[in-house]
Amino acid sequence: MDPLVITLLAIVALLAVAGVVVYFRNRPAEEVEMLHFNCPSCSRRLRYKPQQAGHHGACPRCRETFVFPGAIGPSRSR
């Protein structure tokens, strides 16, 4: 094959990959419901996903470990 054809094919492939990357980066993020509670040790307001309820976590400020509380009702963002 001619080196010019190979070079053109490589450029087209790179442009296609760049287009896919740009497309996926510019898509709006899915809205994920976030729940909130205060750290039992330092009272820092923490947020977590509903599927994390009942799992263990640690506060990023004081490193206190806790179990994420279950969802009691709709969360309120401030």
C-alpha atoms as a PDB file:
ATOM      1  CA  MET A   1       0.000   0.000   0.000  1.00  0.00           C
ATOM      2  CA  ASP A   2       1.070   3.535  -0.693  1.00  0.00           C
ATOM      3  CA  PRO A   3       2.475   5.386   2.370  1.00  0.00           C
ATOM      4  CA  LEU A   4       0.233   8.366   1.583  1.00  0.00           C
ATOM      5  CA  VAL A   5      -2.911   6.176   1.794  1.00  0.00           C
ATOM      6  CA  ILE A   6      -1.737   4.675   5.087  1.00  0.00           C
ATOM      7  CA  THR A   7      -1.072   8.147   6.485  1.00  0.00           C
ATOM      8  CA  LEU A   8      -4.507   9.396   5.394  1.00  0.00           C
ATOM      9  CA  LEU A   9      -6.218   6.352   6.936  1.00  0.00           C
ATOM     10  CA  ALA A  10      -4.351   6.914  10.204  1.00  0.00           C
ATOM     11  CA  ILE A  11      -5.420  10.580  10.256  1.00  0.00           C
ATOM     12  CA  VAL A  12      -9.049   9.645   9.570  1.00  0.00           C
ATOM     13  CA  ALA A  13      -8.945   7.045  12.377  1.00  0.00           C
ATOM     14  CA  LEU A  14      -7.469   9.580  14.830  1.00  0.00           C
ATOM     15  CA  LEU A  15     -10.104  12.154  13.914  1.00  0.00           C
ATOM     16  CA  ALA A  16     -12.856   9.566  14.431  1.00  0.00           C
ATOM     17  CA  VAL A  17     -11.508   8.680  17.882  1.00  0.00           C
ATOM     18  CA  ALA A  18     -11.209  12.375  18.784  1.00  0.00           C
ATOM     19  CA  GLY A  19     -14.812  12.924  17.675  1.00  0.00           C
ATOM     20  CA  VAL A  20     -16.066  10.111  19.890  1.00  0.00           C
ATOM     21  CA  VAL A  21     -14.130  11.456  22.881  1.00  0.00           C
ATOM     22  CA  VAL A  22     -15.481  14.983  22.364  1.00  0.00           C
ATOM     23  CA  TYR A  23     -19.039  13.652  21.957  1.00  0.00           C
ATOM     24  CA  PHE A  24     -18.973  11.692  25.213  1.00  0.00           C
ATOM     25  CA  ARG A  25     -17.298  14.513  27.163  1.00  0.00           C
ATOM     26  CA  ASN A  26     -19.914  17.055  26.103  1.00  0.00           C
ATOM     27  CA  ARG A  27     -22.949  14.929  26.955  1.00  0.00           C
ATOM     28  CA  PRO A  28     -24.877  16.192  29.959  1.00  0.00           C
ATOM     29  CA  ALA A  29     -24.275  14.133  33.069  1.00  0.00           C
ATOM     30  CA  GLU A  30     -27.159  12.011  34.244  1.00  0.00           C
ATOM     31  CA  GLU A  31     -28.993  13.506  37.169  1.00  0.00           C
ATOM     32  CA  VAL A  32     -28.352  11.252  40.150  1.00  0.00           C
ATOM     33  CA  GLU A  33     -30.394  11.777  43.288  1.00  0.00           C
ATOM     34  CA  MET A  34     -28.128  12.580  46.199  1.00  0.00           C
ATOM     35  CA  LEU A  35     -29.021  12.152  49.862  1.00  0.00           C
ATOM     36  CA  HIS A  36     -27.493  14.193  52.682  1.00  0.00           C
ATOM     37  CA  PHE A  37     -26.681  13.701  56.345  1.00  0.00           C
ATOM     38  CA  ASN A  38     -24.269  15.110  58.913  1.00  0.00           C
ATOM     39  CA  CYS A  39     -21.178  13.247  60.084  1.00  0.00           C
ATOM     40  CA  PRO A  40     -21.881  11.905  63.584  1.00  0.00           C
ATOM     41  CA  SER A  41     -18.427  13.053  64.759  1.00  0.00           C
ATOM     42  CA  CYS A  42     -17.665  16.456  63.208  1.00  0.00           C
ATOM     43  CA  SER A  43     -21.123  17.398  61.813  1.00  0.00           C
ATOM     44  CA  ARG A  44     -19.804  17.962  58.290  1.00  0.00           C
ATOM     45  CA  ARG A  45     -22.647  17.742  55.781  1.00  0.00           C
ATOM     46  CA  LEU A  46     -22.043  14.701  53.586  1.00  0.00           C
ATOM     47  CA  ARG A  47     -23.845  13.551  50.466  1.00  0.00           C
ATOM     48  CA  TYR A  48     -24.272  10.035  49.156  1.00  0.00           C
ATOM     49  CA  LYS A  49     -26.174   8.035  46.561  1.00  0.00           C
ATOM     50  CA  PRO A  50     -29.277   6.070  47.610  1.00  0.00           C
ATOM     51  CA  GLN A  51     -27.584   2.769  46.717  1.00  0.00           C
ATOM     52  CA  GLN A  52     -24.923   3.494  49.366  1.00  0.00           C
ATOM     53  CA  ALA A  53     -27.529   3.362  52.178  1.00  0.00           C
ATOM     54  CA  GLY A  54     -26.586   0.693  54.704  1.00  0.00           C
ATOM     55  CA  HIS A  55     -22.951   0.551  53.524  1.00  0.00           C
ATOM     56  CA  HIS A  56     -19.919   1.701  55.503  1.00  0.00           C
ATOM     57  CA  GLY A  57     -18.187   4.981  54.785  1.00  0.00           C
ATOM     58  CA  ALA A  58     -15.712   7.418  56.296  1.00  0.00           C
ATOM     59  CA  CYS A  59     -15.869  11.175  56.702  1.00  0.00           C
ATOM     60  CA  PRO A  60     -13.280  12.921  54.504  1.00  0.00           C
ATOM     61  CA  ARG A  61     -12.674  15.552  57.211  1.00  0.00           C
ATOM     62  CA  CYS A  62     -12.317  13.575  60.453  1.00  0.00           C
ATOM     63  CA  ARG A  63     -11.990  10.001  59.089  1.00  0.00           C
ATOM     64  CA  GLU A  64     -14.736   8.767  61.442  1.00  0.00           C
ATOM     65  CA  THR A  65     -16.360   5.614  60.067  1.00  0.00           C
ATOM     66  CA  PHE A  66     -20.141   5.246  59.912  1.00  0.00           C
ATOM     67  CA  VAL A  67     -22.956   3.462  58.091  1.00  0.00           C
ATOM     68  CA  PHE A  68     -24.835   5.534  55.516  1.00  0.00           C
ATOM     69  CA  PRO A  69     -28.414   5.999  56.755  1.00  0.00           C
ATOM     70  CA  GLY A  70     -31.368   4.726  54.755  1.00  0.00           C
ATOM     71  CA  ALA A  71     -33.552   7.108  52.766  1.00  0.00           C
ATOM     72  CA  ILE A  72     -36.280   8.501  55.011  1.00  0.00           C
ATOM     73  CA  GLY A  73     -37.915  10.786  52.481  1.00  0.00           C
ATOM     74  CA  PRO A  74     -37.060  13.024  49.568  1.00  0.00           C
ATOM     75  CA  SER A  75     -33.713  14.720  50.014  1.00  0.00           C
ATOM     76  CA  ARG A  76     -33.417  18.478  50.060  1.00  0.00           C
ATOM     77  CA  SER A  77     -30.458  20.174  48.413  1.00  0.00           C
ATOM     78  CA  ARG A  78     -29.199  23.440  49.840  1.00  0.00           C
END
